[in-house]
Every structure is written in C-alpha cells, then in structure tokens.
Amino acid sequence: MKAKILVSTAVSIFAVVLLAGWGASAARIKEPTKSDSTLLIGRIRLVCTGFPKHLQANGDHTKGITIDLKDSSNKFISATSRGSDGFFYFADLDIGQYAIVGFQIQIGDSRTTLHLDYKADDHFTIEKSTVNNLGDIVWYCDFIVRGPEEYTEQSVTTMFSARDWHEYKGNYDECKSWFEENYPKSDWKTRNWTNTQIF
C-alpha cells in the first residue's frame, strides 16, 4: 500500500561532545491488561548524509531513537526504538488526540557523542481497544555547516547546522507482519488493528 506523506522541513542545531558516553535500554513489550487497552506501534529509521567522517554518523540508524509525544493536556510521553528494525511502541495510551513533537538520538562512542534533536508537529488519534499502527517513519538529516565550539574542563561542544525532514511511508501491512512474526504469542494479535493516519 502506497501511503507516502512528506511533512515539515526544518533546520536543527546539535552538538558533538567529546569525552562523554551514552547508553540506551530496550524494554520488552507490555501485554494488554484490560479489555480497552491500547497499543501504538511503528518502526523508525534515521538516514544521515554529508557528516564529517570522524562523527561516525553517515548511514542508517534504527536503534536508540527517542520518539516524543504530547497528549491533549500537553503531557509529554516518550519511547525509544530498538533493534535493527527500529521498532517502538507506546502501551496503554488514553484514547484521544496526540501529536508527535520530535525525535532524538545520540550517535558515537565513549570519546565522541553526536546528539541530534528534531522537532515535529504531527497529529493523530488513539482508538479504544485497538493496536494503532503508524507504519514506517524515515527521518532524514543532511549535514550543512560546522559552527562555533564551546570548551569546558572535560569536554568540547561543537555546534553544527543540518537540514532535517521526515516522511511517513505507510507500509502498514509490513509493520503488522513484522509484529506478528516477532511476537507470535502476544495477545495484541487478537485485538482490532487500525492504520493510524497523520493529520
């Protein structure tokens, strides 16, 4: 099913911090606990291009991307992608309208950490007693220019500019099949599924 939606383009500022480490953890999926439980799922991939080689950023990234949501009362909720497929989920969201407000990731090793922070404003609705399927999201980040540096006793922070944009690719059936293959015994498989539309 072809469902490509090109959304906002932005210019973001981010930093490289020397001598700073990072880590991310992945949680097991939470099964439904009541008849009206909800699940929001999706897969996300970051594609970086044009970065200086020493930043180790160019190419595809799927693990450790934080997806930030905001509900109708302006409460923020976050989840982090995991694995080579970039799978993420939010369990037991209240029904109603939400917005995807941004993506974040840290790339690098114990010596150099690159932090990317991208803002969005994409709205959708969570339906009751349903697996809400966002399908595949691709976030693009294209390096533009290096900026000024800030020095502290233990690190150096270098600012950069990048051109960011993202697309909702759809691929709902593929995402659902991936879920069923990786969670064959999940009770979510027996629930109603819907293809979640961005508006």
N, C-alpha and C. Protein backbone atom coordinates (compact mmCIF):
# COMPACT_ATOMS: atom_id res chain seq x y z
N MET A 1 0.85 -1.19 0.00
CA MET A 1 0.00 0.00 0.00
C MET A 1 0.88 1.24 0.00
N LYS A 2 0.66 2.11 -0.95
CA LYS A 2 1.48 3.30 -1.04
C LYS A 2 0.83 4.41 -0.23
N ALA A 3 1.55 4.91 0.77
CA ALA A 3 0.99 5.96 1.62
C ALA A 3 2.12 6.87 2.07
N LYS A 4 2.72 7.56 1.12
CA LYS A 4 3.87 8.40 1.42
C LYS A 4 3.41 9.82 1.72
N ILE A 5 3.79 10.32 2.87
CA ILE A 5 3.41 11.66 3.28
C ILE A 5 4.67 12.44 3.61
N LEU A 6 4.97 13.46 2.84
CA LEU A 6 6.13 14.30 3.12
C LEU A 6 5.67 15.44 4.00
N VAL A 7 6.32 15.58 5.17
CA VAL A 7 5.89 16.61 6.10
C VAL A 7 6.97 17.67 6.26
N SER A 8 7.00 18.30 7.42
CA SER A 8 7.76 19.53 7.59
C SER A 8 9.26 19.38 7.37
N THR A 9 9.87 20.46 6.89
CA THR A 9 11.32 20.56 6.75
C THR A 9 11.81 21.60 7.74
N ALA A 10 12.94 21.33 8.40
CA ALA A 10 13.43 22.24 9.42
C ALA A 10 14.94 22.27 9.40
N VAL A 11 15.52 23.28 10.01
CA VAL A 11 16.96 23.35 10.23
C VAL A 11 17.21 23.21 11.71
N SER A 12 17.99 22.23 12.10
CA SER A 12 18.23 21.98 13.52
C SER A 12 19.67 22.28 13.88
N ILE A 13 19.90 22.57 15.14
CA ILE A 13 21.23 22.78 15.69
C ILE A 13 21.50 21.68 16.68
N PHE A 14 22.68 21.09 16.62
CA PHE A 14 23.00 20.00 17.52
C PHE A 14 24.46 20.08 17.90
N ALA A 15 24.92 19.18 18.76
CA ALA A 15 26.25 19.31 19.32
C ALA A 15 26.99 17.99 19.33
N VAL A 16 28.32 18.08 19.25
CA VAL A 16 29.20 16.95 19.47
C VAL A 16 29.93 17.20 20.77
N VAL A 17 29.86 16.26 21.69
CA VAL A 17 30.50 16.41 22.99
C VAL A 17 31.62 15.39 23.10
N LEU A 18 32.83 15.82 23.29
CA LEU A 18 33.97 14.93 23.42
C LEU A 18 34.09 14.44 24.86
N LEU A 19 34.53 13.20 25.02
CA LEU A 19 34.74 12.59 26.33
C LEU A 19 33.44 12.43 27.11
N ALA A 20 32.36 12.16 26.40
CA ALA A 20 31.08 11.92 27.07
C ALA A 20 30.47 10.66 26.50
N GLY A 21 30.00 9.76 27.37
CA GLY A 21 29.42 8.50 26.92
C GLY A 21 27.92 8.55 26.93
N TRP A 22 27.28 7.47 26.42
CA TRP A 22 25.82 7.39 26.43
C TRP A 22 25.41 5.94 26.38
N GLY A 23 24.13 5.71 26.67
CA GLY A 23 23.62 4.35 26.62
C GLY A 23 22.12 4.36 26.44
N ALA A 24 21.55 3.24 26.01
CA ALA A 24 20.10 3.14 25.84
C ALA A 24 19.66 1.74 26.21
N SER A 25 18.47 1.65 26.74
CA SER A 25 17.95 0.34 27.12
C SER A 25 16.64 0.09 26.40
N ALA A 26 16.34 -1.17 26.17
CA ALA A 26 15.11 -1.55 25.48
C ALA A 26 14.25 -2.39 26.42
N ALA A 27 12.95 -2.09 26.45
CA ALA A 27 12.03 -2.81 27.31
C ALA A 27 11.28 -3.87 26.50
N ARG A 28 10.85 -4.93 27.15
CA ARG A 28 10.00 -5.93 26.50
C ARG A 28 8.62 -5.34 26.31
N ILE A 29 7.90 -5.87 25.35
CA ILE A 29 6.59 -5.30 25.07
C ILE A 29 5.62 -5.60 26.20
N LYS A 30 4.78 -4.64 26.51
CA LYS A 30 3.78 -4.79 27.56
C LYS A 30 2.49 -5.33 26.97
N GLU A 31 2.01 -6.43 27.52
CA GLU A 31 0.78 -7.04 27.02
C GLU A 31 -0.45 -6.30 27.55
N PRO A 32 -1.61 -6.44 26.87
CA PRO A 32 -2.83 -5.77 27.34
C PRO A 32 -3.27 -6.32 28.70
N THR A 33 -3.71 -5.41 29.55
CA THR A 33 -4.13 -5.80 30.91
C THR A 33 -5.64 -5.66 31.11
N LYS A 34 -6.33 -5.03 30.15
CA LYS A 34 -7.77 -4.86 30.27
C LYS A 34 -8.38 -4.82 28.88
N SER A 35 -9.69 -4.89 28.82
CA SER A 35 -10.37 -5.01 27.54
C SER A 35 -10.20 -3.79 26.65
N ASP A 36 -10.02 -2.61 27.26
CA ASP A 36 -9.89 -1.39 26.46
C ASP A 36 -8.44 -0.91 26.35
N SER A 37 -7.47 -1.79 26.61
CA SER A 37 -6.06 -1.41 26.48
C SER A 37 -5.75 -0.99 25.04
N THR A 38 -4.80 -0.06 24.90
CA THR A 38 -4.39 0.43 23.58
C THR A 38 -2.89 0.20 23.39
N LEU A 39 -2.50 0.12 22.12
CA LEU A 39 -1.09 -0.01 21.77
C LEU A 39 -0.84 0.83 20.53
N LEU A 40 0.22 1.63 20.57
CA LEU A 40 0.68 2.37 19.40
C LEU A 40 2.02 1.79 18.99
N ILE A 41 2.15 1.35 17.73
CA ILE A 41 3.42 0.78 17.27
C ILE A 41 3.88 1.47 16.00
N GLY A 42 5.15 1.31 15.71
CA GLY A 42 5.73 1.82 14.47
C GLY A 42 7.17 1.39 14.36
N ARG A 43 7.78 1.70 13.22
CA ARG A 43 9.20 1.48 13.02
C ARG A 43 9.80 2.78 12.49
N ILE A 44 10.99 3.14 12.98
CA ILE A 44 11.62 4.39 12.58
C ILE A 44 13.05 4.16 12.16
N ARG A 45 13.49 4.93 11.18
CA ARG A 45 14.86 4.85 10.68
C ARG A 45 15.38 6.26 10.42
N LEU A 46 16.59 6.54 10.88
CA LEU A 46 17.26 7.81 10.62
C LEU A 46 18.31 7.59 9.53
N VAL A 47 18.31 8.47 8.53
CA VAL A 47 19.30 8.41 7.45
C VAL A 47 20.12 9.70 7.50
N CYS A 48 21.42 9.57 7.81
CA CYS A 48 22.32 10.72 7.90
C CYS A 48 23.23 10.76 6.67
N THR A 49 23.43 11.97 6.13
CA THR A 49 24.30 12.14 4.97
C THR A 49 25.14 13.40 5.14
N GLY A 50 26.35 13.37 4.56
CA GLY A 50 27.19 14.56 4.48
C GLY A 50 27.97 14.92 5.73
N PHE A 51 27.92 14.09 6.77
CA PHE A 51 28.62 14.41 8.01
C PHE A 51 30.12 14.13 7.88
N PRO A 52 30.97 14.89 8.60
CA PRO A 52 32.40 14.56 8.64
C PRO A 52 32.60 13.12 9.11
N LYS A 53 33.57 12.44 8.53
CA LYS A 53 33.76 11.02 8.76
C LYS A 53 33.97 10.69 10.24
N HIS A 54 34.69 11.55 10.97
CA HIS A 54 35.03 11.23 12.35
C HIS A 54 33.82 11.21 13.27
N LEU A 55 32.68 11.73 12.82
CA LEU A 55 31.47 11.73 13.65
C LEU A 55 30.73 10.40 13.59
N GLN A 56 31.09 9.54 12.65
CA GLN A 56 30.51 8.20 12.54
C GLN A 56 28.99 8.24 12.43
N ALA A 57 28.48 9.22 11.71
CA ALA A 57 27.03 9.42 11.65
C ALA A 57 26.40 8.97 10.34
N ASN A 58 27.14 9.00 9.24
CA ASN A 58 26.53 8.73 7.93
C ASN A 58 25.99 7.31 7.84
N GLY A 59 24.86 7.19 7.16
CA GLY A 59 24.22 5.90 7.01
C GLY A 59 22.91 5.81 7.76
N ASP A 60 22.42 4.57 7.93
CA ASP A 60 21.12 4.33 8.56
C ASP A 60 21.30 4.03 10.05
N HIS A 61 20.36 4.53 10.86
CA HIS A 61 20.33 4.27 12.29
C HIS A 61 18.91 3.89 12.68
N THR A 62 18.77 2.82 13.45
CA THR A 62 17.43 2.38 13.86
C THR A 62 17.29 2.24 15.37
N LYS A 63 18.37 2.00 16.06
CA LYS A 63 18.33 1.75 17.50
C LYS A 63 18.60 3.02 18.28
N GLY A 64 17.84 3.22 19.37
CA GLY A 64 18.10 4.34 20.27
C GLY A 64 17.51 5.67 19.84
N ILE A 65 16.53 5.65 18.92
CA ILE A 65 15.84 6.89 18.54
C ILE A 65 14.67 7.11 19.50
N THR A 66 14.64 8.25 20.15
CA THR A 66 13.54 8.58 21.06
C THR A 66 12.44 9.29 20.29
N ILE A 67 11.22 8.80 20.45
CA ILE A 67 10.04 9.40 19.82
C ILE A 67 9.25 10.10 20.93
N ASP A 68 9.04 11.39 20.78
CA ASP A 68 8.36 12.19 21.80
C ASP A 68 6.94 12.51 21.36
N LEU A 69 5.99 12.20 22.24
CA LEU A 69 4.57 12.52 22.00
C LEU A 69 4.08 13.55 23.01
N LYS A 70 2.98 14.21 22.64
CA LYS A 70 2.29 15.11 23.56
C LYS A 70 0.81 14.84 23.44
N ASP A 71 0.12 14.70 24.61
CA ASP A 71 -1.32 14.45 24.56
C ASP A 71 -2.09 15.77 24.59
N SER A 72 -3.41 15.68 24.63
CA SER A 72 -4.25 16.88 24.53
C SER A 72 -4.13 17.79 25.75
N SER A 73 -3.58 17.26 26.86
CA SER A 73 -3.37 18.09 28.06
C SER A 73 -1.93 18.58 28.15
N ASN A 74 -1.18 18.44 27.05
CA ASN A 74 0.22 18.87 26.96
C ASN A 74 1.17 18.05 27.83
N LYS A 75 0.80 16.83 28.15
CA LYS A 75 1.69 15.92 28.85
C LYS A 75 2.58 15.22 27.82
N PHE A 76 3.87 15.12 28.14
CA PHE A 76 4.82 14.51 27.22
C PHE A 76 5.06 13.05 27.59
N ILE A 77 5.14 12.19 26.56
CA ILE A 77 5.42 10.76 26.73
C ILE A 77 6.47 10.39 25.70
N SER A 78 7.41 9.54 26.09
CA SER A 78 8.49 9.16 25.17
C SER A 78 8.66 7.65 25.12
N ALA A 79 9.15 7.17 23.99
CA ALA A 79 9.55 5.77 23.83
C ALA A 79 10.79 5.74 22.96
N THR A 80 11.56 4.66 23.06
CA THR A 80 12.83 4.55 22.33
C THR A 80 12.81 3.33 21.42
N SER A 81 13.27 3.52 20.20
CA SER A 81 13.32 2.42 19.24
C SER A 81 14.42 1.44 19.59
N ARG A 82 14.29 0.21 19.09
CA ARG A 82 15.27 -0.82 19.40
C ARG A 82 15.46 -1.74 18.22
N GLY A 83 16.62 -2.39 18.21
CA GLY A 83 16.90 -3.41 17.20
C GLY A 83 17.16 -2.86 15.82
N SER A 84 17.44 -3.77 14.90
CA SER A 84 17.79 -3.39 13.53
C SER A 84 16.59 -2.94 12.72
N ASP A 85 15.37 -3.12 13.25
CA ASP A 85 14.16 -2.70 12.54
C ASP A 85 13.59 -1.38 13.04
N GLY A 86 14.16 -0.83 14.12
CA GLY A 86 13.70 0.45 14.64
C GLY A 86 12.31 0.40 15.26
N PHE A 87 11.91 -0.75 15.78
CA PHE A 87 10.58 -0.90 16.35
C PHE A 87 10.43 -0.08 17.64
N PHE A 88 9.26 0.56 17.78
CA PHE A 88 8.94 1.27 19.02
C PHE A 88 7.46 1.07 19.33
N TYR A 89 7.11 1.28 20.61
CA TYR A 89 5.70 1.17 20.97
C TYR A 89 5.38 2.00 22.20
N PHE A 90 4.12 2.36 22.31
CA PHE A 90 3.55 3.01 23.49
C PHE A 90 2.35 2.18 23.92
N ALA A 91 2.35 1.68 25.15
CA ALA A 91 1.24 0.86 25.64
C ALA A 91 0.34 1.68 26.56
N ASP A 92 -0.96 1.38 26.49
CA ASP A 92 -1.96 1.96 27.39
C ASP A 92 -2.05 3.47 27.32
N LEU A 93 -1.91 4.03 26.13
CA LEU A 93 -2.22 5.45 25.96
C LEU A 93 -3.72 5.65 26.09
N ASP A 94 -4.14 6.74 26.70
CA ASP A 94 -5.56 7.06 26.76
C ASP A 94 -6.07 7.36 25.35
N ILE A 95 -7.33 7.07 25.11
CA ILE A 95 -7.89 7.39 23.79
C ILE A 95 -7.94 8.91 23.63
N GLY A 96 -7.87 9.36 22.38
CA GLY A 96 -7.90 10.79 22.11
C GLY A 96 -6.80 11.20 21.15
N GLN A 97 -6.61 12.51 21.03
CA GLN A 97 -5.66 13.05 20.08
C GLN A 97 -4.28 13.25 20.71
N TYR A 98 -3.26 12.98 19.89
CA TYR A 98 -1.86 13.13 20.28
C TYR A 98 -1.10 13.83 19.16
N ALA A 99 0.10 14.27 19.49
CA ALA A 99 1.00 14.83 18.47
C ALA A 99 2.38 14.23 18.65
N ILE A 100 3.00 13.86 17.53
CA ILE A 100 4.42 13.55 17.55
C ILE A 100 5.15 14.88 17.50
N VAL A 101 5.93 15.18 18.54
CA VAL A 101 6.55 16.51 18.63
C VAL A 101 8.05 16.48 18.36
N GLY A 102 8.64 15.30 18.22
CA GLY A 102 10.06 15.29 17.88
C GLY A 102 10.70 13.93 17.97
N PHE A 103 11.93 13.88 17.45
CA PHE A 103 12.78 12.70 17.52
C PHE A 103 14.15 13.13 18.06
N GLN A 104 14.80 12.22 18.79
CA GLN A 104 16.15 12.48 19.29
C GLN A 104 16.98 11.21 19.19
N ILE A 105 18.29 11.39 19.04
CA ILE A 105 19.19 10.25 19.05
C ILE A 105 20.59 10.72 19.44
N GLN A 106 21.36 9.83 20.04
CA GLN A 106 22.78 10.06 20.28
C GLN A 106 23.57 8.99 19.54
N ILE A 107 24.56 9.43 18.79
CA ILE A 107 25.38 8.54 17.97
C ILE A 107 26.84 8.72 18.37
N GLY A 108 27.58 7.63 18.49
CA GLY A 108 29.00 7.77 18.77
C GLY A 108 29.53 6.72 19.71
N ASP A 109 30.67 7.03 20.30
CA ASP A 109 31.32 6.10 21.23
C ASP A 109 31.70 6.85 22.50
N SER A 110 32.61 6.28 23.29
CA SER A 110 32.96 6.88 24.58
C SER A 110 33.75 8.17 24.44
N ARG A 111 34.27 8.46 23.23
CA ARG A 111 35.05 9.68 23.03
C ARG A 111 34.24 10.80 22.38
N THR A 112 33.38 10.44 21.46
CA THR A 112 32.63 11.45 20.72
C THR A 112 31.16 11.07 20.67
N THR A 113 30.30 11.98 21.09
CA THR A 113 28.87 11.75 21.06
C THR A 113 28.20 12.84 20.23
N LEU A 114 27.40 12.42 19.26
CA LEU A 114 26.66 13.34 18.42
C LEU A 114 25.19 13.29 18.84
N HIS A 115 24.65 14.41 19.22
CA HIS A 115 23.24 14.49 19.65
C HIS A 115 22.43 15.21 18.58
N LEU A 116 21.41 14.53 18.06
CA LEU A 116 20.51 15.12 17.08
C LEU A 116 19.13 15.28 17.70
N ASP A 117 18.54 16.43 17.50
CA ASP A 117 17.24 16.76 18.10
C ASP A 117 16.38 17.43 17.03
N TYR A 118 15.28 16.78 16.67
CA TYR A 118 14.44 17.26 15.58
C TYR A 118 13.02 17.51 16.08
N LYS A 119 12.43 18.63 15.71
CA LYS A 119 11.09 18.98 16.14
C LYS A 119 10.06 18.70 15.05
N ALA A 120 8.91 18.21 15.48
CA ALA A 120 7.81 17.92 14.55
C ALA A 120 6.50 18.38 15.19
N ASP A 121 5.41 18.27 14.43
CA ASP A 121 4.09 18.63 14.95
C ASP A 121 3.04 17.88 14.12
N ASP A 122 2.98 16.57 14.34
CA ASP A 122 2.13 15.69 13.54
C ASP A 122 1.06 15.05 14.43
N HIS A 123 -0.20 15.24 14.09
CA HIS A 123 -1.30 14.83 14.95
C HIS A 123 -1.95 13.52 14.48
N PHE A 124 -2.44 12.77 15.47
CA PHE A 124 -3.12 11.51 15.18
C PHE A 124 -4.05 11.19 16.34
N THR A 125 -4.88 10.16 16.17
CA THR A 125 -5.86 9.77 17.18
C THR A 125 -5.61 8.34 17.63
N ILE A 126 -5.65 8.12 18.95
CA ILE A 126 -5.58 6.78 19.53
C ILE A 126 -7.00 6.26 19.72
N GLU A 127 -7.27 5.07 19.17
CA GLU A 127 -8.59 4.48 19.27
C GLU A 127 -8.64 3.44 20.39
N LYS A 128 -9.79 3.29 20.99
CA LYS A 128 -10.01 2.40 22.12
C LYS A 128 -9.88 0.93 21.72
N SER A 129 -9.28 0.13 22.62
CA SER A 129 -9.20 -1.33 22.46
C SER A 129 -8.56 -1.73 21.13
N THR A 130 -7.53 -0.98 20.71
CA THR A 130 -7.00 -1.13 19.36
C THR A 130 -5.48 -1.08 19.36
N VAL A 131 -4.88 -1.84 18.43
CA VAL A 131 -3.47 -1.64 18.09
C VAL A 131 -3.42 -0.58 17.00
N ASN A 132 -2.87 0.57 17.33
CA ASN A 132 -2.78 1.71 16.41
C ASN A 132 -1.44 1.65 15.70
N ASN A 133 -1.46 1.42 14.39
CA ASN A 133 -0.26 1.12 13.61
C ASN A 133 0.18 2.35 12.82
N LEU A 134 1.31 2.95 13.21
CA LEU A 134 1.85 4.11 12.49
C LEU A 134 2.63 3.72 11.25
N GLY A 135 2.98 2.45 11.12
CA GLY A 135 3.78 2.03 9.97
C GLY A 135 5.22 2.50 10.10
N ASP A 136 5.84 2.79 8.96
CA ASP A 136 7.26 3.15 8.92
C ASP A 136 7.46 4.66 8.83
N ILE A 137 8.40 5.16 9.62
CA ILE A 137 8.79 6.57 9.61
C ILE A 137 10.26 6.64 9.22
N VAL A 138 10.60 7.54 8.30
CA VAL A 138 12.00 7.79 7.96
C VAL A 138 12.33 9.24 8.27
N TRP A 139 13.38 9.44 9.06
CA TRP A 139 13.88 10.76 9.45
C TRP A 139 15.20 10.98 8.71
N TYR A 140 15.29 12.07 7.96
CA TYR A 140 16.48 12.38 7.20
C TYR A 140 17.23 13.55 7.86
N CYS A 141 18.55 13.46 7.89
CA CYS A 141 19.36 14.54 8.45
C CYS A 141 20.57 14.75 7.55
N ASP A 142 20.65 15.92 6.92
CA ASP A 142 21.70 16.24 5.96
C ASP A 142 22.58 17.35 6.52
N PHE A 143 23.85 17.03 6.75
CA PHE A 143 24.81 17.98 7.31
C PHE A 143 24.95 19.21 6.41
N ILE A 144 25.00 20.41 7.04
CA ILE A 144 25.17 21.66 6.28
C ILE A 144 26.52 22.30 6.57
N VAL A 145 26.72 22.75 7.81
CA VAL A 145 27.93 23.52 8.10
C VAL A 145 28.29 23.40 9.58
N ARG A 146 29.57 23.48 9.86
CA ARG A 146 30.06 23.46 11.24
C ARG A 146 30.00 24.86 11.82
N GLY A 147 29.66 24.93 13.12
CA GLY A 147 29.55 26.20 13.80
C GLY A 147 30.62 26.39 14.87
N PRO A 148 30.38 27.25 15.86
CA PRO A 148 31.37 27.56 16.90
C PRO A 148 31.53 26.43 17.90
N GLU A 149 32.62 26.48 18.66
CA GLU A 149 32.90 25.49 19.70
C GLU A 149 32.87 26.13 21.08
N GLU A 150 32.45 25.33 22.09
CA GLU A 150 32.46 25.76 23.48
C GLU A 150 33.30 24.77 24.27
N TYR A 151 34.23 25.29 25.09
CA TYR A 151 35.16 24.44 25.83
C TYR A 151 34.83 24.45 27.31
N THR A 152 34.86 23.26 27.93
CA THR A 152 34.77 23.13 29.38
C THR A 152 35.97 22.31 29.84
N GLU A 153 36.06 22.05 31.13
CA GLU A 153 37.22 21.35 31.67
C GLU A 153 37.32 19.92 31.15
N GLN A 154 36.18 19.27 30.88
CA GLN A 154 36.19 17.86 30.49
C GLN A 154 35.70 17.60 29.07
N SER A 155 35.21 18.59 28.38
CA SER A 155 34.63 18.33 27.07
C SER A 155 34.72 19.55 26.16
N VAL A 156 34.50 19.28 24.88
CA VAL A 156 34.39 20.32 23.87
C VAL A 156 33.06 20.11 23.15
N THR A 157 32.24 21.13 23.09
CA THR A 157 30.96 21.05 22.39
C THR A 157 31.06 21.85 21.09
N THR A 158 30.79 21.18 19.98
CA THR A 158 30.85 21.81 18.67
C THR A 158 29.45 21.87 18.08
N MET A 159 29.03 23.05 17.67
CA MET A 159 27.70 23.22 17.11
C MET A 159 27.73 23.02 15.59
N PHE A 160 26.65 22.44 15.06
CA PHE A 160 26.51 22.24 13.63
C PHE A 160 25.11 22.65 13.20
N SER A 161 24.95 22.84 11.92
CA SER A 161 23.62 23.03 11.34
C SER A 161 23.34 21.86 10.40
N ALA A 162 22.08 21.43 10.38
CA ALA A 162 21.68 20.34 9.50
C ALA A 162 20.29 20.59 8.97
N ARG A 163 20.00 20.02 7.82
CA ARG A 163 18.67 20.10 7.21
C ARG A 163 17.95 18.81 7.53
N ASP A 164 16.82 18.89 8.23
CA ASP A 164 16.06 17.73 8.67
C ASP A 164 14.68 17.70 8.02
N TRP A 165 14.19 16.51 7.73
CA TRP A 165 12.80 16.33 7.33
C TRP A 165 12.42 14.87 7.58
N HIS A 166 11.15 14.56 7.55
CA HIS A 166 10.74 13.18 7.78
C HIS A 166 9.53 12.82 6.93
N GLU A 167 9.35 11.52 6.73
CA GLU A 167 8.26 11.00 5.91
C GLU A 167 7.58 9.85 6.64
N TYR A 168 6.27 9.76 6.45
CA TYR A 168 5.51 8.61 6.90
C TYR A 168 5.29 7.72 5.67
N LYS A 169 5.94 6.58 5.67
CA LYS A 169 5.97 5.72 4.49
C LYS A 169 4.77 4.79 4.37
N GLY A 170 3.99 4.67 5.46
CA GLY A 170 2.91 3.69 5.42
C GLY A 170 3.46 2.31 5.73
N ASN A 171 3.42 1.42 4.74
CA ASN A 171 3.89 0.03 4.93
C ASN A 171 3.21 -0.63 6.14
N TYR A 172 1.92 -0.36 6.30
CA TYR A 172 1.21 -0.85 7.49
C TYR A 172 1.18 -2.37 7.56
N ASP A 173 0.93 -3.01 6.43
CA ASP A 173 0.87 -4.47 6.42
C ASP A 173 2.22 -5.09 6.77
N GLU A 174 3.30 -4.48 6.27
CA GLU A 174 4.64 -4.98 6.59
C GLU A 174 4.94 -4.83 8.08
N CYS A 175 4.54 -3.72 8.65
CA CYS A 175 4.77 -3.47 10.07
C CYS A 175 3.97 -4.46 10.93
N LYS A 176 2.73 -4.71 10.52
CA LYS A 176 1.91 -5.67 11.25
C LYS A 176 2.49 -7.08 11.15
N SER A 177 2.94 -7.46 9.96
CA SER A 177 3.54 -8.78 9.77
C SER A 177 4.80 -8.93 10.60
N TRP A 178 5.60 -7.86 10.67
CA TRP A 178 6.82 -7.88 11.49
C TRP A 178 6.45 -8.13 12.96
N PHE A 179 5.41 -7.45 13.43
CA PHE A 179 4.97 -7.62 14.82
C PHE A 179 4.53 -9.06 15.07
N GLU A 180 3.72 -9.60 14.19
CA GLU A 180 3.20 -10.96 14.37
C GLU A 180 4.32 -11.99 14.34
N GLU A 181 5.34 -11.74 13.53
CA GLU A 181 6.47 -12.67 13.45
C GLU A 181 7.34 -12.62 14.70
N ASN A 182 7.52 -11.42 15.25
CA ASN A 182 8.41 -11.25 16.40
C ASN A 182 7.71 -11.45 17.73
N TYR A 183 6.38 -11.33 17.76
CA TYR A 183 5.61 -11.55 18.98
C TYR A 183 4.48 -12.54 18.68
N PRO A 184 4.82 -13.77 18.33
CA PRO A 184 3.80 -14.75 17.88
C PRO A 184 2.78 -15.12 18.94
N LYS A 185 3.13 -14.96 20.21
CA LYS A 185 2.21 -15.34 21.29
C LYS A 185 1.55 -14.13 21.95
N SER A 186 1.74 -12.96 21.40
CA SER A 186 1.19 -11.75 22.01
C SER A 186 -0.33 -11.70 21.90
N ASP A 187 -0.97 -11.29 22.98
CA ASP A 187 -2.43 -11.09 22.96
C ASP A 187 -2.84 -9.93 22.07
N TRP A 188 -1.89 -9.04 21.76
CA TRP A 188 -2.23 -7.91 20.89
C TRP A 188 -2.65 -8.39 19.50
N LYS A 189 -2.20 -9.54 19.10
CA LYS A 189 -2.56 -10.06 17.77
C LYS A 189 -4.05 -10.29 17.62
N THR A 190 -4.74 -10.54 18.74
CA THR A 190 -6.17 -10.82 18.70
C THR A 190 -7.02 -9.55 18.77
N ARG A 191 -6.38 -8.41 19.00
CA ARG A 191 -7.11 -7.16 19.10
C ARG A 191 -7.38 -6.56 17.72
N ASN A 192 -8.26 -5.59 17.69
CA ASN A 192 -8.52 -4.85 16.47
C ASN A 192 -7.28 -4.02 16.10
N TRP A 193 -6.95 -3.98 14.81
CA TRP A 193 -5.82 -3.19 14.32
C TRP A 193 -6.34 -2.08 13.42
N THR A 194 -5.71 -0.90 13.50
CA THR A 194 -6.08 0.20 12.62
C THR A 194 -4.82 0.88 12.09
N ASN A 195 -4.89 1.34 10.85
CA ASN A 195 -3.78 2.10 10.26
C ASN A 195 -3.92 3.55 10.68
N THR A 196 -3.01 4.01 11.51
CA THR A 196 -3.10 5.34 12.11
C THR A 196 -2.67 6.41 11.11
N GLN A 197 -3.55 7.36 10.87
CA GLN A 197 -3.30 8.41 9.89
C GLN A 197 -2.83 9.68 10.60
N ILE A 198 -1.87 10.35 9.97
CA ILE A 198 -1.38 11.64 10.47
C ILE A 198 -2.20 12.76 9.85
N PHE A 199 -2.56 13.75 10.66
CA PHE A 199 -3.31 14.90 10.12
C PHE A 199 -2.79 16.20 10.70
